[in-house]
Each structure stands twice: as structure tokens, then as C-alpha cells.
């Protein structure tokens, strides 16, 4: 799989995941893909939610399943 295909899979997985985050008053956006590190920005209700870490973990598990390789999902700084 080339980098473009990988980015498309990551983007599609985040788009599928977005409605669940939005239902809870939050938003998620892809910020960067740096090797096996995927940075996303959580905004809205997610910024003060104590379950934001679990949200990132759930997204990570989905991305591992889609990509077939281990990845880390980390929050990007607000700004």
C-alpha cells in the first residue's frame, strides 16, 4: 500500500468515526500522519471530556484493523 492509499484509509476511518464523536458534542479532525503516528485534534465537548483518551483508543483500534499494522493515535495541540 502506498502513502496515498494509506492516507485515504485513515481519512475514511476518521470520517466513519466522526458521527459518534459529534453525537457527544465533539469534533475530530486529522492533523498529521507521521509514520506510525496519527495526530488528531479533538475539539468541542472533547476538550473537557474525561473519556477523550478512550475515544483515541477506540479510534486507534479501528485504524489498526483497517491498516493491518500497529499505529499510535495522539492528540494534536489546539491552535
PDB file of N, CA and C in Angstrom:
ATOM      1  N   UNK A   1       0.857  -1.170   0.000  1.00  0.00           N
ATOM      2  CA  UNK A   1       0.000   0.000   0.000  1.00  0.00           C
ATOM      3  C   UNK A   1       0.906   1.237   0.000  1.00  0.00           C
ATOM      4  N   UNK A   2       0.607   2.173  -0.896  1.00  0.00           N
ATOM      5  CA  UNK A   2       1.413   3.391  -0.931  1.00  0.00           C
ATOM      6  C   UNK A   2       0.884   4.425   0.070  1.00  0.00           C
ATOM      7  N   UNK A   3       1.608   5.519   0.226  1.00  0.00           N
ATOM      8  CA  UNK A   3       1.244   6.539   1.222  1.00  0.00           C
ATOM      9  C   UNK A   3      -0.125   7.150   0.943  1.00  0.00           C
ATOM     10  N   UNK A   4      -0.442   7.369  -0.324  1.00  0.00           N
ATOM     11  CA  UNK A   4      -1.739   7.963  -0.682  1.00  0.00           C
ATOM     12  C   UNK A   4      -2.891   7.030  -0.304  1.00  0.00           C
ATOM     13  N   UNK A   5      -2.735   5.742  -0.585  1.00  0.00           N
ATOM     14  CA  UNK A   5      -3.773   4.772  -0.223  1.00  0.00           C
ATOM     15  C   UNK A   5      -3.936   4.701   1.291  1.00  0.00           C
ATOM     16  N   UNK A   6      -2.824   4.718   1.987  1.00  0.00           N
ATOM     17  CA  UNK A   6      -2.851   4.681   3.463  1.00  0.00           C
ATOM     18  C   UNK A   6      -3.577   5.900   4.021  1.00  0.00           C
ATOM     19  N   UNK A   7      -3.266   7.079   3.476  1.00  0.00           N
ATOM     20  CA  UNK A   7      -3.923   8.301   3.924  1.00  0.00           C
ATOM     21  C   UNK A   7      -5.423   8.252   3.644  1.00  0.00           C
ATOM     22  N   UNK A   8      -5.806   7.702   2.512  1.00  0.00           N
ATOM     23  CA  UNK A   8      -7.228   7.573   2.183  1.00  0.00           C
ATOM     24  C   UNK A   8      -7.939   6.658   3.177  1.00  0.00           C
ATOM     25  N   UNK A   9      -7.304   5.552   3.559  1.00  0.00           N
ATOM     26  CA  UNK A   9      -7.906   4.638   4.537  1.00  0.00           C
ATOM     27  C   UNK A   9      -8.045   5.312   5.904  1.00  0.00           C
ATOM     28  N   UNK A  10      -7.021   6.059   6.307  1.00  0.00           N
ATOM     29  CA  UNK A  10      -7.056   6.763   7.585  1.00  0.00           C
ATOM     30  C   UNK A  10      -8.169   7.801   7.581  1.00  0.00           C
ATOM     31  N   UNK A  11      -8.244   8.583   6.514  1.00  0.00           N
ATOM     32  CA  UNK A  11      -9.270   9.614   6.393  1.00  0.00           C
ATOM     33  C   UNK A  11     -10.668   9.004   6.417  1.00  0.00           C
ATOM     34  N   UNK A  12     -10.865   7.925   5.689  1.00  0.00           N
ATOM     35  CA  UNK A  12     -12.174   7.264   5.651  1.00  0.00           C
ATOM     36  C   UNK A  12     -12.559   6.726   7.024  1.00  0.00           C
ATOM     37  N   UNK A  13     -11.606   6.151   7.746  1.00  0.00           N
ATOM     38  CA  UNK A  13     -11.902   5.622   9.080  1.00  0.00           C
ATOM     39  C   UNK A  13     -12.300   6.743  10.036  1.00  0.00           C
ATOM     40  N   UNK A  14     -11.615   7.867   9.946  1.00  0.00           N
ATOM     41  CA  UNK A  14     -11.963   9.001  10.812  1.00  0.00           C
ATOM     42  C   UNK A  14     -13.343   9.545  10.447  1.00  0.00           C
ATOM     43  N   UNK A  15     -13.653   9.604   9.159  1.00  0.00           N
ATOM     44  CA  UNK A  15     -14.975  10.071   8.725  1.00  0.00           C
ATOM     45  C   UNK A  15     -16.081   9.146   9.242  1.00  0.00           C
ATOM     46  N   UNK A  16     -15.828   7.848   9.258  1.00  0.00           N
ATOM     47  CA  UNK A  16     -16.812   6.896   9.793  1.00  0.00           C
ATOM     48  C   UNK A  16     -16.975   7.064  11.298  1.00  0.00           C
ATOM     49  N   UNK A  17     -15.915   7.441  11.968  1.00  0.00           N
ATOM     50  CA  UNK A  17     -15.878   7.582  13.427  1.00  0.00           C
ATOM     51  C   UNK A  17     -16.486   8.911  13.879  1.00  0.00           C
ATOM     52  N   UNK A  18     -16.399   9.937  13.024  1.00  0.00           N
ATOM     53  CA  UNK A  18     -16.818  11.307  13.365  1.00  0.00           C
ATOM     54  C   UNK A  18     -18.252  11.423  13.914  1.00  0.00           C
ATOM     55  N   UNK A  19     -19.261  10.788  13.323  1.00  0.00           N
ATOM     56  CA  UNK A  19     -20.625  10.954  13.845  1.00  0.00           C
ATOM     57  C   UNK A  19     -20.774  10.578  15.325  1.00  0.00           C
ATOM     58  N   UNK A  20     -20.065   9.556  15.766  1.00  0.00           N
ATOM     59  CA  UNK A  20     -20.136   9.160  17.176  1.00  0.00           C
ATOM     60  C   UNK A  20     -19.574  10.263  18.069  1.00  0.00           C
ATOM     61  N   UNK A  21     -18.500  10.882  17.635  1.00  0.00           N
ATOM     62  CA  UNK A  21     -17.898  11.977  18.403  1.00  0.00           C
ATOM     63  C   UNK A  21     -18.834  13.187  18.390  1.00  0.00           C
ATOM     64  N   UNK A  22     -19.417  13.476  17.252  1.00  0.00           N
ATOM     65  CA  UNK A  22     -20.327  14.617  17.131  1.00  0.00           C
ATOM     66  C   UNK A  22     -21.588  14.441  17.964  1.00  0.00           C
ATOM     67  N   UNK A  23     -22.061  13.206  18.093  1.00  0.00           N
ATOM     68  CA  UNK A  23     -23.254  12.966  18.922  1.00  0.00           C
ATOM     69  C   UNK A  23     -23.037  13.385  20.371  1.00  0.00           C
ATOM     70  N   UNK A  24     -21.797  13.333  20.795  1.00  0.00           N
ATOM     71  CA  UNK A  24     -21.478  13.729  22.170  1.00  0.00           C
ATOM     72  C   UNK A  24     -21.034  15.188  22.264  1.00  0.00           C
ATOM     73  N   UNK A  25     -21.202  15.949  21.173  1.00  0.00           N
ATOM     74  CA  UNK A  25     -20.885  17.373  21.199  1.00  0.00           C
ATOM     75  C   UNK A  25     -19.446  17.708  20.869  1.00  0.00           C
ATOM     76  N   UNK A  26     -18.717  16.751  20.320  1.00  0.00           N
ATOM     77  CA  UNK A  26     -17.315  16.979  19.991  1.00  0.00           C
ATOM     78  C   UNK A  26     -17.069  16.976  18.500  1.00  0.00           C
ATOM     79  N   UNK A  27     -15.816  17.108  18.166  1.00  0.00           N
ATOM     80  CA  UNK A  27     -15.385  17.061  16.765  1.00  0.00           C
ATOM     81  C   UNK A  27     -13.989  16.470  16.733  1.00  0.00           C
ATOM     82  N   UNK A  28     -13.659  15.815  15.644  1.00  0.00           N
ATOM     83  CA  UNK A  28     -12.344  15.216  15.466  1.00  0.00           C
ATOM     84  C   UNK A  28     -11.857  15.531  14.063  1.00  0.00           C
ATOM     85  N   UNK A  29     -10.573  15.873  13.953  1.00  0.00           N
ATOM     86  CA  UNK A  29     -10.003  16.153  12.640  1.00  0.00           C
ATOM     87  C   UNK A  29      -8.604  15.575  12.555  1.00  0.00           C
ATOM     88  N   UNK A  30      -8.277  15.066  11.396  1.00  0.00           N
ATOM     89  CA  UNK A  30      -6.941  14.558  11.137  1.00  0.00           C
ATOM     90  C   UNK A  30      -5.999  15.738  10.966  1.00  0.00           C
ATOM     91  N   UNK A  31      -4.888  15.714  11.699  1.00  0.00           N
ATOM     92  CA  UNK A  31      -3.914  16.800  11.624  1.00  0.00           C
ATOM     93  C   UNK A  31      -2.673  16.358  10.851  1.00  0.00           C
ATOM     94  N   UNK A  32      -2.154  15.177  11.157  1.00  0.00           N
ATOM     95  CA  UNK A  32      -0.931  14.732  10.502  1.00  0.00           C
ATOM     96  C   UNK A  32      -0.767  13.229  10.610  1.00  0.00           C
ATOM     97  N   UNK A  33      -0.072  12.680   9.642  1.00  0.00           N
ATOM     98  CA  UNK A  33       0.342  11.280   9.676  1.00  0.00           C
ATOM     99  C   UNK A  33       1.857  11.296   9.539  1.00  0.00           C
ATOM    100  N   UNK A  34       2.528  10.813  10.577  1.00  0.00           N
ATOM    101  CA  UNK A  34       3.993  10.809  10.626  1.00  0.00           C
ATOM    102  C   UNK A  34       4.448   9.381  10.906  1.00  0.00           C
ATOM    103  N   UNK A  35       4.635   8.608   9.847  1.00  0.00           N
ATOM    104  CA  UNK A  35       4.992   7.204  10.024  1.00  0.00           C
ATOM    105  C   UNK A  35       3.856   6.445  10.680  1.00  0.00           C
ATOM    106  N   UNK A  36       4.121   5.856  11.855  1.00  0.00           N
ATOM    107  CA  UNK A  36       3.074   5.108  12.559  1.00  0.00           C
ATOM    108  C   UNK A  36       2.324   5.967  13.569  1.00  0.00           C
ATOM    109  N   UNK A  37       2.570   7.275  13.550  1.00  0.00           N
ATOM    110  CA  UNK A  37       1.878   8.194  14.465  1.00  0.00           C
ATOM    111  C   UNK A  37       0.833   8.980  13.686  1.00  0.00           C
ATOM    112  N   UNK A  38      -0.402   8.924  14.182  1.00  0.00           N
ATOM    113  CA  UNK A  38      -1.511   9.654  13.580  1.00  0.00           C
ATOM    114  C   UNK A  38      -1.969  10.681  14.602  1.00  0.00           C
ATOM    115  N   UNK A  39      -1.882  11.946  14.223  1.00  0.00           N
ATOM    116  CA  UNK A  39      -2.275  13.029  15.130  1.00  0.00           C
ATOM    117  C   UNK A  39      -3.649  13.550  14.731  1.00  0.00           C
ATOM    118  N   UNK A  40      -4.520  13.627  15.733  1.00  0.00           N
ATOM    119  CA  UNK A  40      -5.866  14.156  15.517  1.00  0.00           C
ATOM    120  C   UNK A  40      -6.129  15.265  16.526  1.00  0.00           C
ATOM    121  N   UNK A  41      -7.008  16.168  16.144  1.00  0.00           N
ATOM    122  CA  UNK A  41      -7.406  17.245  17.050  1.00  0.00           C
ATOM    123  C   UNK A  41      -8.843  16.990  17.496  1.00  0.00           C
ATOM    124  N   UNK A  42      -9.028  16.930  18.803  1.00  0.00           N
ATOM    125  CA  UNK A  42     -10.359  16.812  19.391  1.00  0.00           C
ATOM    126  C   UNK A  42     -10.780  18.202  19.865  1.00  0.00           C
ATOM    127  N   UNK A  43     -11.977  18.621  19.474  1.00  0.00           N
ATOM    128  CA  UNK A  43     -12.480  19.929  19.877  1.00  0.00           C
ATOM    129  C   UNK A  43     -13.906  19.778  20.405  1.00  0.00           C
ATOM    130  N   UNK A  44     -14.499  20.904  20.762  1.00  0.00           N
ATOM    131  CA  UNK A  44     -15.853  20.885  21.297  1.00  0.00           C
ATOM    132  C   UNK A  44     -15.862  20.252  22.675  1.00  0.00           C
ATOM    133  N   UNK A  45     -16.868  19.447  22.937  1.00  0.00           N
ATOM    134  CA  UNK A  45     -17.018  18.801  24.240  1.00  0.00           C
ATOM    135  C   UNK A  45     -15.852  17.872  24.565  1.00  0.00           C
ATOM    136  N   UNK A  46     -15.132  17.437  23.546  1.00  0.00           N
ATOM    137  CA  UNK A  46     -14.000  16.516  23.758  1.00  0.00           C
ATOM    138  C   UNK A  46     -12.864  17.165  24.550  1.00  0.00           C
ATOM    139  N   UNK A  47     -12.748  18.478  24.485  1.00  0.00           N
ATOM    140  CA  UNK A  47     -11.613  19.131  25.136  1.00  0.00           C
ATOM    141  C   UNK A  47     -11.683  19.037  26.650  1.00  0.00           C
ATOM    142  N   UNK A  48     -12.870  18.858  27.200  1.00  0.00           N
ATOM    143  CA  UNK A  48     -13.012  18.759  28.652  1.00  0.00           C
ATOM    144  C   UNK A  48     -13.521  17.385  29.101  1.00  0.00           C
ATOM    145  N   UNK A  49     -13.644  16.468  28.167  1.00  0.00           N
ATOM    146  CA  UNK A  49     -14.205  15.156  28.479  1.00  0.00           C
ATOM    147  C   UNK A  49     -13.144  14.232  29.073  1.00  0.00           C
ATOM    148  N   UNK A  50     -13.485  13.601  30.160  1.00  0.00           N
ATOM    149  CA  UNK A  50     -12.551  12.669  30.801  1.00  0.00           C
ATOM    150  C   UNK A  50     -12.404  11.366  30.006  1.00  0.00           C
ATOM    151  N   UNK A  51     -13.264  11.150  29.018  1.00  0.00           N
ATOM    152  CA  UNK A  51     -13.201   9.937  28.208  1.00  0.00           C
ATOM    153  C   UNK A  51     -12.492  10.153  26.872  1.00  0.00           C
ATOM    154  N   UNK A  52     -11.865  11.305  26.680  1.00  0.00           N
ATOM    155  CA  UNK A  52     -11.177  11.592  25.413  1.00  0.00           C
ATOM    156  C   UNK A  52     -10.096  10.558  25.128  1.00  0.00           C
ATOM    157  N   UNK A  53      -9.413  10.091  26.154  1.00  0.00           N
ATOM    158  CA  UNK A  53      -8.392   9.061  25.971  1.00  0.00           C
ATOM    159  C   UNK A  53      -8.984   7.771  25.443  1.00  0.00           C
ATOM    160  N   UNK A  54     -10.173   7.436  25.920  1.00  0.00           N
ATOM    161  CA  UNK A  54     -10.839   6.231  25.423  1.00  0.00           C
ATOM    162  C   UNK A  54     -11.276   6.417  23.973  1.00  0.00           C
ATOM    163  N   UNK A  55     -11.679   7.630  23.629  1.00  0.00           N
ATOM    164  CA  UNK A  55     -12.043   7.925  22.245  1.00  0.00           C
ATOM    165  C   UNK A  55     -10.847   7.689  21.333  1.00  0.00           C
ATOM    166  N   UNK A  56      -9.675   8.174  21.735  1.00  0.00           N
ATOM    167  CA  UNK A  56      -8.471   7.972  20.936  1.00  0.00           C
ATOM    168  C   UNK A  56      -8.119   6.490  20.848  1.00  0.00           C
ATOM    169  N   UNK A  57      -8.310   5.759  21.936  1.00  0.00           N
ATOM    170  CA  UNK A  57      -8.033   4.325  21.937  1.00  0.00           C
ATOM    171  C   UNK A  57      -8.955   3.559  21.007  1.00  0.00           C
ATOM    172  N   UNK A  58     -10.216   3.930  20.995  1.00  0.00           N
ATOM    173  CA  UNK A  58     -11.179   3.284  20.106  1.00  0.00           C
ATOM    174  C   UNK A  58     -10.823   3.561  18.653  1.00  0.00           C
ATOM    175  N   UNK A  59     -10.460   4.809  18.362  1.00  0.00           N
ATOM    176  CA  UNK A  59     -10.045   5.154  17.005  1.00  0.00           C
ATOM    177  C   UNK A  59      -8.776   4.385  16.625  1.00  0.00           C
ATOM    178  N   UNK A  60      -7.839   4.267  17.540  1.00  0.00           N
ATOM    179  CA  UNK A  60      -6.603   3.535  17.267  1.00  0.00           C
ATOM    180  C   UNK A  60      -6.895   2.084  16.898  1.00  0.00           C
ATOM    181  N   UNK A  61      -7.765   1.433  17.660  1.00  0.00           N
ATOM    182  CA  UNK A  61      -8.110   0.040  17.370  1.00  0.00           C
ATOM    183  C   UNK A  61      -8.752  -0.082  15.982  1.00  0.00           C
ATOM    184  N   UNK A  62      -9.597   0.866  15.632  1.00  0.00           N
ATOM    185  CA  UNK A  62     -10.236   0.845  14.303  1.00  0.00           C
ATOM    186  C   UNK A  62      -9.188   1.022  13.208  1.00  0.00           C
ATOM    187  N   UNK A  63      -8.248   1.948  13.412  1.00  0.00           N
ATOM    188  CA  UNK A  63      -7.216   2.184  12.414  1.00  0.00           C
ATOM    189  C   UNK A  63      -6.288   0.979  12.263  1.00  0.00           C
ATOM    190  N   UNK A  64      -5.962   0.325  13.362  1.00  0.00           N
ATOM    191  CA  UNK A  64      -5.133  -0.886  13.290  1.00  0.00           C
ATOM    192  C   UNK A  64      -5.852  -1.952  12.463  1.00  0.00           C
ATOM    193  N   UNK A  65      -7.148  -2.093  12.666  1.00  0.00           N
ATOM    194  CA  UNK A  65      -7.921  -3.082  11.913  1.00  0.00           C
ATOM    195  C   UNK A  65      -7.952  -2.729  10.428  1.00  0.00           C
ATOM    196  N   UNK A  66      -8.125  -1.461  10.110  1.00  0.00           N
ATOM    197  CA  UNK A  66      -8.220  -1.021   8.714  1.00  0.00           C
ATOM    198  C   UNK A  66      -6.868  -1.106   8.011  1.00  0.00           C
ATOM    199  N   UNK A  67      -5.812  -0.680   8.702  1.00  0.00           N
ATOM    200  CA  UNK A  67      -4.490  -0.622   8.086  1.00  0.00           C
ATOM    201  C   UNK A  67      -3.733  -1.944   8.156  1.00  0.00           C
ATOM    202  N   UNK A  68      -4.077  -2.773   9.132  1.00  0.00           N
ATOM    203  CA  UNK A  68      -3.389  -4.042   9.294  1.00  0.00           C
ATOM    204  C   UNK A  68      -1.987  -3.903   9.868  1.00  0.00           C
ATOM    205  N   UNK A  69      -1.737  -2.783  10.531  1.00  0.00           N
ATOM    206  CA  UNK A  69      -0.427  -2.535  11.131  1.00  0.00           C
ATOM    207  C   UNK A  69      -0.596  -1.673  12.374  1.00  0.00           C
ATOM    208  N   UNK A  70       0.255  -1.830  13.377  1.00  0.00           N
ATOM    209  CA  UNK A  70       0.128  -1.016  14.584  1.00  0.00           C
ATOM    210  C   UNK A  70       0.355   0.471  14.301  1.00  0.00           C
ATOM    211  N   UNK A  71      -0.447   1.301  14.927  1.00  0.00           N
ATOM    212  CA  UNK A  71      -0.287   2.755  14.857  1.00  0.00           C
ATOM    213  C   UNK A  71      -0.517   3.350  16.229  1.00  0.00           C
ATOM    214  N   UNK A  72      -0.048   4.561  16.409  1.00  0.00           N
ATOM    215  CA  UNK A  72      -0.332   5.326  17.619  1.00  0.00           C
ATOM    216  C   UNK A  72      -1.199   6.504  17.224  1.00  0.00           C
ATOM    217  N   UNK A  73      -2.242   6.760  17.990  1.00  0.00           N
ATOM    218  CA  UNK A  73      -3.094   7.913  17.750  1.00  0.00           C
ATOM    219  C   UNK A  73      -2.877   8.876  18.909  1.00  0.00           C
ATOM    220  N   UNK A  74      -2.397  10.055  18.577  1.00  0.00           N
ATOM    221  CA  UNK A  74      -2.059  11.048  19.600  1.00  0.00           C
ATOM    222  C   UNK A  74      -2.829  12.336  19.363  1.00  0.00           C
ATOM    223  N   UNK A  75      -3.152  13.044  20.448  1.00  0.00           N
ATOM    224  CA  UNK A  75      -3.844  14.319  20.284  1.00  0.00           C
ATOM    225  C   UNK A  75      -2.876  15.384  19.785  1.00  0.00           C
ATOM    226  N   UNK A  76      -3.352  16.215  18.874  1.00  0.00           N
ATOM    227  CA  UNK A  76      -2.567  17.355  18.407  1.00  0.00           C
ATOM    228  C   UNK A  76      -2.881  18.551  19.301  1.00  0.00           C
ATOM    229  N   UNK A  77      -1.946  19.430  19.436  1.00  0.00           N
ATOM    230  CA  UNK A  77      -2.154  20.639  20.247  1.00  0.00           C
ATOM    231  C   UNK A  77      -3.233  21.502  19.601  1.00  0.00           C
ATOM    232  N   UNK A  78      -4.008  22.155  20.431  1.00  0.00           N
ATOM    233  CA  UNK A  78      -5.003  23.088  19.931  1.00  0.00           C
ATOM    234  C   UNK A  78      -4.279  24.330  19.418  1.00  0.00           C
ATOM    235  N   UNK A  79      -4.856  24.940  18.430  1.00  0.00           N
ATOM    236  CA  UNK A  79      -4.223  26.163  17.965  1.00  0.00           C
ATOM    237  C   UNK A  79      -4.464  26.507  16.574  1.00  0.00           C
TER     238      UNK A  79
END
